[in-house]
Amino acid sequence: MVRQKVDQTVFEQRAPLLTEIVRQGMQEGSFITTYPEKSGEVIMSLLQGMGNTHGKFFRLLEQGHDDVRWIQEVGTTHAAYMDAIERVLGAPLHAFARIDAAALHVWMMALKENNQKQRI
């Protein structure tokens, strides 16, 4: 219940800000979208969905799942969501950065180290 309220509050605060960014991007010619007034809501929905999916992957990592597969799944998921956001905005393909495997490996190792410290 608390998480849903936090998600809704974040959504309500950030969606209008993203909509303004999209409008500015359209004026500058960076974005082309048919529904700019709804773009912030759509992007926030995608970002929250990506966050929920990544949370699932973190729980799998805590349970000892395969590190290589974890890195691949998180990287692929992130790339898929970035692709979807680019499409919503009419931005060029790969306009937004993707997480690379090396960065994910560092992130994974930090998470594992933190988990080990918590168990002690």
PDB file of N, CA and C in Angstrom:
ATOM      1  N   MET A   1       0.819  -1.189   0.000  1.00  0.00           N
ATOM      2  CA  MET A   1       0.000   0.000   0.000  1.00  0.00           C
ATOM      3  C   MET A   1       0.874   1.268   0.000  1.00  0.00           C
ATOM      4  N   VAL A   2       1.900   1.252   0.862  1.00  0.00           N
ATOM      5  CA  VAL A   2       2.792   2.408   0.935  1.00  0.00           C
ATOM      6  C   VAL A   2       3.514   2.598  -0.388  1.00  0.00           C
ATOM      7  N   ARG A   3       3.990   1.490  -0.947  1.00  0.00           N
ATOM      8  CA  ARG A   3       4.720   1.583  -2.217  1.00  0.00           C
ATOM      9  C   ARG A   3       3.824   2.138  -3.322  1.00  0.00           C
ATOM     10  N   GLN A   4       2.582   1.730  -3.363  1.00  0.00           N
ATOM     11  CA  GLN A   4       1.660   2.239  -4.372  1.00  0.00           C
ATOM     12  C   GLN A   4       1.440   3.736  -4.218  1.00  0.00           C
ATOM     13  N   LYS A   5       1.326   4.202  -2.979  1.00  0.00           N
ATOM     14  CA  LYS A   5       1.134   5.637  -2.742  1.00  0.00           C
ATOM     15  C   LYS A   5       2.376   6.428  -3.146  1.00  0.00           C
ATOM     16  N   VAL A   6       3.548   5.886  -2.823  1.00  0.00           N
ATOM     17  CA  VAL A   6       4.792   6.554  -3.213  1.00  0.00           C
ATOM     18  C   VAL A   6       4.896   6.600  -4.739  1.00  0.00           C
ATOM     19  N   ASP A   7       4.628   5.470  -5.395  1.00  0.00           N
ATOM     20  CA  ASP A   7       4.673   5.424  -6.865  1.00  0.00           C
ATOM     21  C   ASP A   7       3.716   6.449  -7.470  1.00  0.00           C
ATOM     22  N   GLN A   8       2.516   6.548  -6.928  1.00  0.00           N
ATOM     23  CA  GLN A   8       1.527   7.487  -7.456  1.00  0.00           C
ATOM     24  C   GLN A   8       1.978   8.930  -7.257  1.00  0.00           C
ATOM     25  N   THR A   9       2.533   9.227  -6.086  1.00  0.00           N
ATOM     26  CA  THR A   9       3.015  10.581  -5.808  1.00  0.00           C
ATOM     27  C   THR A   9       4.156  10.952  -6.745  1.00  0.00           C
ATOM     28  N   VAL A  10       5.103  10.040  -6.911  1.00  0.00           N
ATOM     29  CA  VAL A  10       6.223  10.286  -7.829  1.00  0.00           C
ATOM     30  C   VAL A  10       5.693  10.491  -9.243  1.00  0.00           C
ATOM     31  N   PHE A  11       4.764   9.640  -9.647  1.00  0.00           N
ATOM     32  CA  PHE A  11       4.159   9.736 -10.984  1.00  0.00           C
ATOM     33  C   PHE A  11       3.536  11.125 -11.173  1.00  0.00           C
ATOM     34  N   GLU A  12       2.728  11.552 -10.215  1.00  0.00           N
ATOM     35  CA  GLU A  12       2.024  12.833 -10.323  1.00  0.00           C
ATOM     36  C   GLU A  12       2.982  14.020 -10.333  1.00  0.00           C
ATOM     37  N   GLN A  13       4.111  13.894  -9.654  1.00  0.00           N
ATOM     38  CA  GLN A  13       5.084  14.985  -9.619  1.00  0.00           C
ATOM     39  C   GLN A  13       5.932  15.039 -10.881  1.00  0.00           C
ATOM     40  N   ARG A  14       6.338  13.882 -11.376  1.00  0.00           N
ATOM     41  CA  ARG A  14       7.315  13.856 -12.471  1.00  0.00           C
ATOM     42  C   ARG A  14       6.705  13.847 -13.866  1.00  0.00           C
ATOM     43  N   ALA A  15       5.539  13.283 -14.023  1.00  0.00           N
ATOM     44  CA  ALA A  15       4.936  13.224 -15.359  1.00  0.00           C
ATOM     45  C   ALA A  15       4.784  14.617 -15.978  1.00  0.00           C
ATOM     46  N   PRO A  16       4.273  15.613 -15.245  1.00  0.00           N
ATOM     47  CA  PRO A  16       4.184  16.950 -15.844  1.00  0.00           C
ATOM     48  C   PRO A  16       5.543  17.545 -16.210  1.00  0.00           C
ATOM     49  N   LEU A  17       6.559  17.252 -15.409  1.00  0.00           N
ATOM     50  CA  LEU A  17       7.909  17.744 -15.723  1.00  0.00           C
ATOM     51  C   LEU A  17       8.426  17.116 -17.016  1.00  0.00           C
ATOM     52  N   LEU A  18       8.184  15.812 -17.149  1.00  0.00           N
ATOM     53  CA  LEU A  18       8.600  15.133 -18.385  1.00  0.00           C
ATOM     54  C   LEU A  18       7.834  15.669 -19.589  1.00  0.00           C
ATOM     55  N   THR A  19       6.567  15.971 -19.401  1.00  0.00           N
ATOM     56  CA  THR A  19       5.770  16.529 -20.495  1.00  0.00           C
ATOM     57  C   THR A  19       6.359  17.862 -20.951  1.00  0.00           C
ATOM     58  N   GLU A  20       6.787  18.674 -20.001  1.00  0.00           N
ATOM     59  CA  GLU A  20       7.419  19.946 -20.356  1.00  0.00           C
ATOM     60  C   GLU A  20       8.727  19.734 -21.109  1.00  0.00           C
ATOM     61  N   ILE A  21       9.500  18.762 -20.690  1.00  0.00           N
ATOM     62  CA  ILE A  21      10.750  18.446 -21.391  1.00  0.00           C
ATOM     63  C   ILE A  21      10.446  18.005 -22.817  1.00  0.00           C
ATOM     64  N   VAL A  22       9.416  17.193 -22.976  1.00  0.00           N
ATOM     65  CA  VAL A  22       9.036  16.727 -24.322  1.00  0.00           C
ATOM     66  C   VAL A  22       8.597  17.910 -25.185  1.00  0.00           C
ATOM     67  N   ARG A  23       7.794  18.790 -24.631  1.00  0.00           N
ATOM     68  CA  ARG A  23       7.362  19.975 -25.398  1.00  0.00           C
ATOM     69  C   ARG A  23       8.572  20.798 -25.850  1.00  0.00           C
ATOM     70  N   GLN A  24       9.524  20.994 -24.954  1.00  0.00           N
ATOM     71  CA  GLN A  24      10.730  21.724 -25.312  1.00  0.00           C
ATOM     72  C   GLN A  24      11.495  20.975 -26.404  1.00  0.00           C
ATOM     73  N   GLY A  25      11.617  19.657 -26.250  1.00  0.00           N
ATOM     74  CA  GLY A  25      12.299  18.859 -27.262  1.00  0.00           C
ATOM     75  C   GLY A  25      11.616  18.936 -28.620  1.00  0.00           C
ATOM     76  N   MET A  26      10.304  19.031 -28.621  1.00  0.00           N
ATOM     77  CA  MET A  26       9.575  19.173 -29.886  1.00  0.00           C
ATOM     78  C   MET A  26       9.859  20.538 -30.509  1.00  0.00           C
ATOM     79  N   GLN A  27       9.878  21.576 -29.684  1.00  0.00           N
ATOM     80  CA  GLN A  27      10.182  22.918 -30.195  1.00  0.00           C
ATOM     81  C   GLN A  27      11.589  22.990 -30.780  1.00  0.00           C
ATOM     82  N   GLU A  28      12.515  22.230 -30.173  1.00  0.00           N
ATOM     83  CA  GLU A  28      13.904  22.220 -30.642  1.00  0.00           C
ATOM     84  C   GLU A  28      14.111  21.244 -31.791  1.00  0.00           C
ATOM     85  N   GLY A  29      13.103  20.428 -32.084  1.00  0.00           N
ATOM     86  CA  GLY A  29      13.201  19.470 -33.171  1.00  0.00           C
ATOM     87  C   GLY A  29      13.845  18.145 -32.791  1.00  0.00           C
ATOM     88  N   SER A  30      14.028  17.900 -31.496  1.00  0.00           N
ATOM     89  CA  SER A  30      14.642  16.650 -31.044  1.00  0.00           C
ATOM     90  C   SER A  30      13.636  15.506 -30.957  1.00  0.00           C
ATOM     91  N   PHE A  31      12.373  15.833 -30.644  1.00  0.00           N
ATOM     92  CA  PHE A  31      11.337  14.827 -30.480  1.00  0.00           C
ATOM     93  C   PHE A  31      10.182  15.092 -31.441  1.00  0.00           C
ATOM     94  N   ILE A  32       9.562  14.007 -31.857  1.00  0.00           N
ATOM     95  CA  ILE A  32       8.368  14.082 -32.696  1.00  0.00           C
ATOM     96  C   ILE A  32       7.369  13.094 -32.111  1.00  0.00           C
ATOM     97  N   THR A  33       6.304  13.614 -31.519  1.00  0.00           N
ATOM     98  CA  THR A  33       5.309  12.728 -30.929  1.00  0.00           C
ATOM     99  C   THR A  33       3.907  13.266 -31.203  1.00  0.00           C
ATOM    100  N   THR A  34       2.985  12.377 -31.404  1.00  0.00           N
ATOM    101  CA  THR A  34       1.615  12.755 -31.725  1.00  0.00           C
ATOM    102  C   THR A  34       0.859  13.244 -30.496  1.00  0.00           C
ATOM    103  N   TYR A  35       1.236  12.748 -29.326  1.00  0.00           N
ATOM    104  CA  TYR A  35       0.512  13.076 -28.097  1.00  0.00           C
ATOM    105  C   TYR A  35       1.442  13.672 -27.040  1.00  0.00           C
ATOM    106  N   PRO A  36       1.966  14.853 -27.276  1.00  0.00           N
ATOM    107  CA  PRO A  36       2.922  15.420 -26.313  1.00  0.00           C
ATOM    108  C   PRO A  36       2.314  15.632 -24.935  1.00  0.00           C
ATOM    109  N   GLU A  37       1.019  15.921 -24.869  1.00  0.00           N
ATOM    110  CA  GLU A  37       0.392  16.177 -23.567  1.00  0.00           C
ATOM    111  C   GLU A  37       0.293  14.914 -22.710  1.00  0.00           C
ATOM    112  N   LYS A  38       0.426  13.749 -23.314  1.00  0.00           N
ATOM    113  CA  LYS A  38       0.378  12.474 -22.582  1.00  0.00           C
ATOM    114  C   LYS A  38       1.745  11.801 -22.484  1.00  0.00           C
ATOM    115  N   SER A  39       2.730  12.377 -23.115  1.00  0.00           N
ATOM    116  CA  SER A  39       4.042  11.732 -23.180  1.00  0.00           C
ATOM    117  C   SER A  39       4.677  11.543 -21.809  1.00  0.00           C
ATOM    118  N   GLY A  40       4.541  12.525 -20.912  1.00  0.00           N
ATOM    119  CA  GLY A  40       5.114  12.393 -19.576  1.00  0.00           C
ATOM    120  C   GLY A  40       4.515  11.218 -18.820  1.00  0.00           C
ATOM    121  N   GLU A  41       3.192  11.038 -18.954  1.00  0.00           N
ATOM    122  CA  GLU A  41       2.524   9.916 -18.298  1.00  0.00           C
ATOM    123  C   GLU A  41       3.007   8.578 -18.856  1.00  0.00           C
ATOM    124  N   VAL A  42       3.139   8.513 -20.168  1.00  0.00           N
ATOM    125  CA  VAL A  42       3.578   7.272 -20.799  1.00  0.00           C
ATOM    126  C   VAL A  42       5.015   6.946 -20.400  1.00  0.00           C
ATOM    127  N   ILE A  43       5.871   7.948 -20.421  1.00  0.00           N
ATOM    128  CA  ILE A  43       7.275   7.732 -20.056  1.00  0.00           C
ATOM    129  C   ILE A  43       7.389   7.316 -18.588  1.00  0.00           C
ATOM    130  N   MET A  44       6.639   7.975 -17.705  1.00  0.00           N
ATOM    131  CA  MET A  44       6.668   7.590 -16.289  1.00  0.00           C
ATOM    132  C   MET A  44       6.182   6.159 -16.099  1.00  0.00           C
ATOM    133  N   SER A  45       5.155   5.768 -16.826  1.00  0.00           N
ATOM    134  CA  SER A  45       4.671   4.384 -16.737  1.00  0.00           C
ATOM    135  C   SER A  45       5.764   3.408 -17.151  1.00  0.00           C
ATOM    136  N   LEU A  46       6.462   3.739 -18.217  1.00  0.00           N
ATOM    137  CA  LEU A  46       7.557   2.879 -18.666  1.00  0.00           C
ATOM    138  C   LEU A  46       8.685   2.834 -17.630  1.00  0.00           C
ATOM    139  N   LEU A  47       9.051   3.979 -17.088  1.00  0.00           N
ATOM    140  CA  LEU A  47      10.131   4.016 -16.102  1.00  0.00           C
ATOM    141  C   LEU A  47       9.762   3.252 -14.832  1.00  0.00           C
ATOM    142  N   GLN A  48       8.520   3.388 -14.389  1.00  0.00           N
ATOM    143  CA  GLN A  48       8.103   2.636 -13.205  1.00  0.00           C
ATOM    144  C   GLN A  48       8.058   1.141 -13.502  1.00  0.00           C
ATOM    145  N   GLY A  49       7.617   0.774 -14.697  1.00  0.00           N
ATOM    146  CA  GLY A  49       7.630  -0.634 -15.086  1.00  0.00           C
ATOM    147  C   GLY A  49       9.041  -1.190 -15.122  1.00  0.00           C
ATOM    148  N   MET A  50       9.971  -0.400 -15.655  1.00  0.00           N
ATOM    149  CA  MET A  50      11.366  -0.824 -15.699  1.00  0.00           C
ATOM    150  C   MET A  50      11.906  -0.986 -14.286  1.00  0.00           C
ATOM    151  N   GLY A  51      11.575  -0.060 -13.400  1.00  0.00           N
ATOM    152  CA  GLY A  51      12.021  -0.154 -12.017  1.00  0.00           C
ATOM    153  C   GLY A  51      11.490  -1.404 -11.329  1.00  0.00           C
ATOM    154  N   ASN A  52      10.226  -1.728 -11.576  1.00  0.00           N
ATOM    155  CA  ASN A  52       9.643  -2.937 -10.988  1.00  0.00           C
ATOM    156  C   ASN A  52      10.329  -4.192 -11.519  1.00  0.00           C
ATOM    157  N   THR A  53      10.613  -4.202 -12.807  1.00  0.00           N
ATOM    158  CA  THR A  53      11.285  -5.355 -13.411  1.00  0.00           C
ATOM    159  C   THR A  53      12.697  -5.497 -12.866  1.00  0.00           C
ATOM    160  N   HIS A  54      13.409  -4.381 -12.738  1.00  0.00           N
ATOM    161  CA  HIS A  54      14.758  -4.434 -12.181  1.00  0.00           C
ATOM    162  C   HIS A  54      14.717  -4.900 -10.728  1.00  0.00           C
ATOM    163  N   GLY A  55      13.694  -4.501  -9.984  1.00  0.00           N
ATOM    164  CA  GLY A  55      13.548  -4.972  -8.611  1.00  0.00           C
ATOM    165  C   GLY A  55      13.436  -6.484  -8.550  1.00  0.00           C
ATOM    166  N   LYS A  56      12.705  -7.050  -9.500  1.00  0.00           N
ATOM    167  CA  LYS A  56      12.581  -8.508  -9.576  1.00  0.00           C
ATOM    168  C   LYS A  56      13.950  -9.142  -9.816  1.00  0.00           C
ATOM    169  N   PHE A  57      14.739  -8.534 -10.694  1.00  0.00           N
ATOM    170  CA  PHE A  57      16.079  -9.058 -10.978  1.00  0.00           C
ATOM    171  C   PHE A  57      16.987  -8.975  -9.743  1.00  0.00           C
ATOM    172  N   PHE A  58      16.855  -7.904  -8.963  1.00  0.00           N
ATOM    173  CA  PHE A  58      17.661  -7.779  -7.753  1.00  0.00           C
ATOM    174  C   PHE A  58      17.309  -8.863  -6.753  1.00  0.00           C
ATOM    175  N   ARG A  59      16.035  -9.182  -6.637  1.00  0.00           N
ATOM    176  CA  ARG A  59      15.632 -10.272  -5.737  1.00  0.00           C
ATOM    177  C   ARG A  59      16.211 -11.602  -6.205  1.00  0.00           C
ATOM    178  N   LEU A  60      16.256 -11.816  -7.514  1.00  0.00           N
ATOM    179  CA  LEU A  60      16.851 -13.045  -8.045  1.00  0.00           C
ATOM    180  C   LEU A  60      18.343 -13.107  -7.730  1.00  0.00           C
ATOM    181  N   LEU A  61      19.014 -11.973  -7.839  1.00  0.00           N
ATOM    182  CA  LEU A  61      20.441 -11.930  -7.524  1.00  0.00           C
ATOM    183  C   LEU A  61      20.666 -12.268  -6.054  1.00  0.00           C
ATOM    184  N   GLU A  62      19.818 -11.726  -5.174  1.00  0.00           N
ATOM    185  CA  GLU A  62      19.933 -12.030  -3.749  1.00  0.00           C
ATOM    186  C   GLU A  62      19.740 -13.519  -3.472  1.00  0.00           C
ATOM    187  N   GLN A  63      18.966 -14.183  -4.315  1.00  0.00           N
ATOM    188  CA  GLN A  63      18.690 -15.605  -4.132  1.00  0.00           C
ATOM    189  C   GLN A  63      19.779 -16.486  -4.738  1.00  0.00           C
ATOM    190  N   GLY A  64      20.815 -15.857  -5.303  1.00  0.00           N
ATOM    191  CA  GLY A  64      21.954 -16.609  -5.800  1.00  0.00           C
ATOM    192  C   GLY A  64      21.854 -17.056  -7.249  1.00  0.00           C
ATOM    193  N   HIS A  65      21.055 -16.404  -8.057  1.00  0.00           N
ATOM    194  CA  HIS A  65      20.950 -16.773  -9.463  1.00  0.00           C
ATOM    195  C   HIS A  65      22.236 -16.429 -10.221  1.00  0.00           C
ATOM    196  N   ASP A  66      22.381 -17.026 -11.356  1.00  0.00           N
ATOM    197  CA  ASP A  66      23.570 -16.908 -12.198  1.00  0.00           C
ATOM    198  C   ASP A  66      23.913 -15.451 -12.519  1.00  0.00           C
ATOM    199  N   ASP A  67      25.149 -15.054 -12.203  1.00  0.00           N
ATOM    200  CA  ASP A  67      25.585 -13.676 -12.398  1.00  0.00           C
ATOM    201  C   ASP A  67      25.560 -13.248 -13.861  1.00  0.00           C
ATOM    202  N   VAL A  68      26.053 -14.099 -14.740  1.00  0.00           N
ATOM    203  CA  VAL A  68      26.120 -13.745 -16.159  1.00  0.00           C
ATOM    204  C   VAL A  68      24.713 -13.551 -16.722  1.00  0.00           C
ATOM    205  N   ARG A  69      23.842 -14.457 -16.395  1.00  0.00           N
ATOM    206  CA  ARG A  69      22.457 -14.332 -16.877  1.00  0.00           C
ATOM    207  C   ARG A  69      21.796 -13.077 -16.299  1.00  0.00           C
ATOM    208  N   TRP A  70      22.069 -12.780 -15.032  1.00  0.00           N
ATOM    209  CA  TRP A  70      21.515 -11.575 -14.399  1.00  0.00           C
ATOM    210  C   TRP A  70      21.942 -10.334 -15.172  1.00  0.00           C
ATOM    211  N   ILE A  71      23.225 -10.238 -15.472  1.00  0.00           N
ATOM    212  CA  ILE A  71      23.744  -9.087 -16.223  1.00  0.00           C
ATOM    213  C   ILE A  71      23.066  -8.996 -17.584  1.00  0.00           C
ATOM    214  N   GLN A  72      22.920 -10.112 -18.271  1.00  0.00           N
ATOM    215  CA  GLN A  72      22.282 -10.110 -19.589  1.00  0.00           C
ATOM    216  C   GLN A  72      20.817  -9.669 -19.497  1.00  0.00           C
ATOM    217  N   GLU A  73      20.096 -10.198 -18.516  1.00  0.00           N
ATOM    218  CA  GLU A  73      18.676  -9.872 -18.368  1.00  0.00           C
ATOM    219  C   GLU A  73      18.455  -8.398 -18.035  1.00  0.00           C
ATOM    220  N   VAL A  74      19.235  -7.872 -17.098  1.00  0.00           N
ATOM    221  CA  VAL A  74      19.093  -6.465 -16.732  1.00  0.00           C
ATOM    222  C   VAL A  74      19.456  -5.578 -17.925  1.00  0.00           C
ATOM    223  N   GLY A  75      20.547  -5.899 -18.611  1.00  0.00           N
ATOM    224  CA  GLY A  75      20.957  -5.108 -19.776  1.00  0.00           C
ATOM    225  C   GLY A  75      19.935  -5.127 -20.892  1.00  0.00           C
ATOM    226  N   THR A  76      19.402  -6.295 -21.179  1.00  0.00           N
ATOM    227  CA  THR A  76      18.390  -6.425 -22.239  1.00  0.00           C
ATOM    228  C   THR A  76      17.110  -5.689 -21.867  1.00  0.00           C
ATOM    229  N   THR A  77      16.706  -5.832 -20.613  1.00  0.00           N
ATOM    230  CA  THR A  77      15.491  -5.156 -20.155  1.00  0.00           C
ATOM    231  C   THR A  77      15.648  -3.644 -20.234  1.00  0.00           C
ATOM    232  N   HIS A  78      16.773  -3.145 -19.770  1.00  0.00           N
ATOM    233  CA  HIS A  78      17.020  -1.699 -19.829  1.00  0.00           C
ATOM    234  C   HIS A  78      16.998  -1.206 -21.279  1.00  0.00           C
ATOM    235  N   ALA A  79      17.649  -1.927 -22.167  1.00  0.00           N
ATOM    236  CA  ALA A  79      17.680  -1.534 -23.580  1.00  0.00           C
ATOM    237  C   ALA A  79      16.280  -1.532 -24.185  1.00  0.00           C
ATOM    238  N   ALA A  80      15.460  -2.515 -23.826  1.00  0.00           N
ATOM    239  CA  ALA A  80      14.099  -2.590 -24.356  1.00  0.00           C
ATOM    240  C   ALA A  80      13.263  -1.392 -23.902  1.00  0.00           C
ATOM    241  N   TYR A  81      13.389  -1.029 -22.638  1.00  0.00           N
ATOM    242  CA  TYR A  81      12.636   0.128 -22.146  1.00  0.00           C
ATOM    243  C   TYR A  81      13.136   1.425 -22.773  1.00  0.00           C
ATOM    244  N   MET A  82      14.452   1.576 -22.932  1.00  0.00           N
ATOM    245  CA  MET A  82      14.982   2.780 -23.572  1.00  0.00           C
ATOM    246  C   MET A  82      14.491   2.879 -25.018  1.00  0.00           C
ATOM    247  N   ASP A  83      14.439   1.737 -25.691  1.00  0.00           N
ATOM    248  CA  ASP A  83      13.923   1.704 -27.055  1.00  0.00           C
ATOM    249  C   ASP A  83      12.466   2.161 -27.088  1.00  0.00           C
ATOM    250  N   ALA A  84      11.671   1.685 -26.142  1.00  0.00           N
ATOM    251  CA  ALA A  84      10.256   2.071 -26.087  1.00  0.00           C
ATOM    252  C   ALA A  84      10.106   3.570 -25.842  1.00  0.00           C
ATOM    253  N   ILE A  85      10.911   4.122 -24.934  1.00  0.00           N
ATOM    254  CA  ILE A  85      10.836   5.558 -24.655  1.00  0.00           C
ATOM    255  C   ILE A  85      11.240   6.365 -25.884  1.00  0.00           C
ATOM    256  N   GLU A  86      12.283   5.927 -26.579  1.00  0.00           N
ATOM    257  CA  GLU A  86      12.688   6.617 -27.812  1.00  0.00           C
ATOM    258  C   GLU A  86      11.560   6.604 -28.839  1.00  0.00           C
ATOM    259  N   ARG A  87      10.851   5.499 -28.929  1.00  0.00           N
ATOM    260  CA  ARG A  87       9.742   5.407 -29.876  1.00  0.00           C
ATOM    261  C   ARG A  87       8.592   6.333 -29.482  1.00  0.00           C
ATOM    262  N   VAL A  88       8.296   6.418 -28.194  1.00  0.00           N
ATOM    263  CA  VAL A  88       7.243   7.319 -27.724  1.00  0.00           C
ATOM    264  C   VAL A  88       7.581   8.756 -28.104  1.00  0.00           C
ATOM    265  N   LEU A  89       8.848   9.090 -28.002  1.00  0.00           N
ATOM    266  CA  LEU A  89       9.296  10.460 -28.269  1.00  0.00           C
ATOM    267  C   LEU A  89       9.586  10.741 -29.739  1.00  0.00           C
ATOM    268  N   GLY A  90       9.644   9.701 -30.552  1.00  0.00           N
ATOM    269  CA  GLY A  90      10.053   9.902 -31.932  1.00  0.00           C
ATOM    270  C   GLY A  90      11.513  10.304 -32.019  1.00  0.00           C
ATOM    271  N   ALA A  91      12.284   9.889 -31.035  1.00  0.00           N
ATOM    272  CA  ALA A  91      13.721  10.196 -31.001  1.00  0.00           C
ATOM    273  C   ALA A  91      14.471   9.164 -31.836  1.00  0.00           C
ATOM    274  N   PRO A  92      15.660   9.496 -32.293  1.00  0.00           N
ATOM    275  CA  PRO A  92      16.455   8.524 -33.035  1.00  0.00           C
ATOM    276  C   PRO A  92      16.786   7.298 -32.179  1.00  0.00           C
ATOM    277  N   LEU A  93      16.926   6.161 -32.834  1.00  0.00           N
ATOM    278  CA  LEU A  93      17.302   4.933 -32.155  1.00  0.00           C
ATOM    279  C   LEU A  93      18.640   5.130 -31.443  1.00  0.00           C
ATOM    280  N   HIS A  94      18.738   4.660 -30.209  1.00  0.00           N
ATOM    281  CA  HIS A  94      19.920   4.779 -29.358  1.00  0.00           C
ATOM    282  C   HIS A  94      20.246   6.225 -28.979  1.00  0.00           C
ATOM    283  N   ALA A  95      19.226   7.077 -28.966  1.00  0.00           N
ATOM    284  CA  ALA A  95      19.429   8.453 -28.510  1.00  0.00           C
ATOM    285  C   ALA A  95      19.713   8.493 -27.016  1.00  0.00           C
ATOM    286  N   PHE A  96      19.162   7.519 -26.286  1.00  0.00           N
ATOM    287  CA  PHE A  96      19.376   7.433 -24.841  1.00  0.00           C
ATOM    288  C   PHE A  96      20.358   6.311 -24.539  1.00  0.00           C
ATOM    289  N   ALA A  97      21.180   6.543 -23.544  1.00  0.00           N
ATOM    290  CA  ALA A  97      22.228   5.585 -23.186  1.00  0.00           C
ATOM    291  C   ALA A  97      21.635   4.277 -22.678  1.00  0.00           C
ATOM    292  N   ARG A  98      22.348   3.216 -22.952  1.00  0.00           N
ATOM    293  CA  ARG A  98      22.024   1.890 -22.426  1.00  0.00           C
ATOM    294  C   ARG A  98      23.084   1.535 -21.390  1.00  0.00           C
ATOM    295  N   ILE A  99      22.691   0.709 -20.423  1.00  0.00           N
ATOM    296  CA  ILE A  99      23.651   0.236 -19.422  1.00  0.00           C
ATOM    297  C   ILE A  99      24.531  -0.823 -20.071  1.00  0.00           C
ATOM    298  N   ASP A 100      25.844  -0.701 -19.897  1.00  0.00           N
ATOM    299  CA  ASP A 100      26.725  -1.714 -20.476  1.00  0.00           C
ATOM    300  C   ASP A 100      27.050  -2.795 -19.448  1.00  0.00           C
ATOM    301  N   ALA A 101      27.557  -3.908 -19.929  1.00  0.00           N
ATOM    302  CA  ALA A 101      27.821  -5.072 -19.083  1.00  0.00           C
ATOM    303  C   ALA A 101      28.835  -4.765 -17.990  1.00  0.00           C
ATOM    304  N   ALA A 102      29.847  -3.958 -18.294  1.00  0.00           N
ATOM    305  CA  ALA A 102      30.867  -3.635 -17.294  1.00  0.00           C
ATOM    306  C   ALA A 102      30.252  -2.862 -16.124  1.00  0.00           C
ATOM    307  N   ALA A 103      29.394  -1.899 -16.420  1.00  0.00           N
ATOM    308  CA  ALA A 103      28.732  -1.139 -15.357  1.00  0.00           C
ATOM    309  C   ALA A 103      27.821  -2.047 -14.542  1.00  0.00           C
ATOM    310  N   LEU A 104      27.111  -2.936 -15.199  1.00  0.00           N
ATOM    311  CA  LEU A 104      26.243  -3.871 -14.489  1.00  0.00           C
ATOM    312  C   LEU A 104      27.034  -4.811 -13.590  1.00  0.00           C
ATOM    313  N   HIS A 105      28.206  -5.218 -14.049  1.00  0.00           N
ATOM    314  CA  HIS A 105      29.048  -6.102 -13.236  1.00  0.00           C
ATOM    315  C   HIS A 105      29.466  -5.383 -11.951  1.00  0.00           C
ATOM    316  N   VAL A 106      29.875  -4.127 -12.056  1.00  0.00           N
ATOM    317  CA  VAL A 106      30.268  -3.348 -10.873  1.00  0.00           C
ATOM    318  C   VAL A 106      29.068  -3.211  -9.937  1.00  0.00           C
ATOM    319  N   TRP A 107      27.908  -2.928 -10.493  1.00  0.00           N
ATOM    320  CA  TRP A 107      26.688  -2.772  -9.716  1.00  0.00           C
ATOM    321  C   TRP A 107      26.354  -4.082  -8.983  1.00  0.00           C
ATOM    322  N   MET A 108      26.442  -5.181  -9.707  1.00  0.00           N
ATOM    323  CA  MET A 108      26.136  -6.496  -9.144  1.00  0.00           C
ATOM    324  C   MET A 108      27.083  -6.815  -7.997  1.00  0.00           C
ATOM    325  N   MET A 109      28.363  -6.562  -8.174  1.00  0.00           N
ATOM    326  CA  MET A 109      29.337  -6.862  -7.130  1.00  0.00           C
ATOM    327  C   MET A 109      29.073  -6.006  -5.880  1.00  0.00           C
ATOM    328  N   ALA A 110      28.701  -4.756  -6.071  1.00  0.00           N
ATOM    329  CA  ALA A 110      28.381  -3.889  -4.930  1.00  0.00           C
ATOM    330  C   ALA A 110      27.148  -4.397  -4.195  1.00  0.00           C
ATOM    331  N   LEU A 111      26.162  -4.853  -4.938  1.00  0.00           N
ATOM    332  CA  LEU A 111      24.958  -5.412  -4.305  1.00  0.00           C
ATOM    333  C   LEU A 111      25.278  -6.662  -3.507  1.00  0.00           C
ATOM    334  N   LYS A 112      26.098  -7.516  -4.070  1.00  0.00           N
ATOM    335  CA  LYS A 112      26.479  -8.745  -3.362  1.00  0.00           C
ATOM    336  C   LYS A 112      27.263  -8.418  -2.094  1.00  0.00           C
ATOM    337  N   GLU A 113      28.187  -7.469  -2.193  1.00  0.00           N
ATOM    338  CA  GLU A 113      28.974  -7.080  -1.024  1.00  0.00           C
ATOM    339  C   GLU A 113      28.064  -6.504   0.059  1.00  0.00           C
ATOM    340  N   ASN A 114      27.118  -5.678  -0.335  1.00  0.00           N
ATOM    341  CA  ASN A 114      26.181  -5.099   0.618  1.00  0.00           C
ATOM    342  C   ASN A 114      25.344  -6.190   1.273  1.00  0.00           C
ATOM    343  N   ASN A 115      24.891  -7.157   0.506  1.00  0.00           N
ATOM    344  CA  ASN A 115      24.103  -8.254   1.055  1.00  0.00           C
ATOM    345  C   ASN A 115      24.903  -9.075   2.061  1.00  0.00           C
ATOM    346  N   GLN A 116      26.179  -9.299   1.757  1.00  0.00           N
ATOM    347  CA  GLN A 116      27.030 -10.062   2.680  1.00  0.00           C
ATOM    348  C   GLN A 116      27.230  -9.309   3.991  1.00  0.00           C
ATOM    349  N   LYS A 117      27.397  -7.993   3.920  1.00  0.00           N
ATOM    350  CA  LYS A 117      27.570  -7.180   5.130  1.00  0.00           C
ATOM    351  C   LYS A 117      26.309  -7.227   5.988  1.00  0.00           C
ATOM    352  N   GLN A 118      25.146  -7.236   5.330  1.00  0.00           N
ATOM    353  CA  GLN A 118      23.890  -7.262   6.077  1.00  0.00           C
ATOM    354  C   GLN A 118      23.679  -8.598   6.789  1.00  0.00           C
ATOM    355  N   ARG A 119      24.239  -9.641   6.258  1.00  0.00           N
ATOM    356  CA  ARG A 119      24.081 -10.972   6.862  1.00  0.00           C
ATOM    357  C   ARG A 119      24.964 -11.165   8.087  1.00  0.00           C
ATOM    358  N   ILE A 120      25.998 -10.350   8.178  1.00  0.00           N
ATOM    359  CA  ILE A 120      26.966 -10.511   9.294  1.00  0.00           C
ATOM    360  C   ILE A 120      26.415  -9.928  10.562  1.00  0.00           C
TER     361      ILE A 120
END
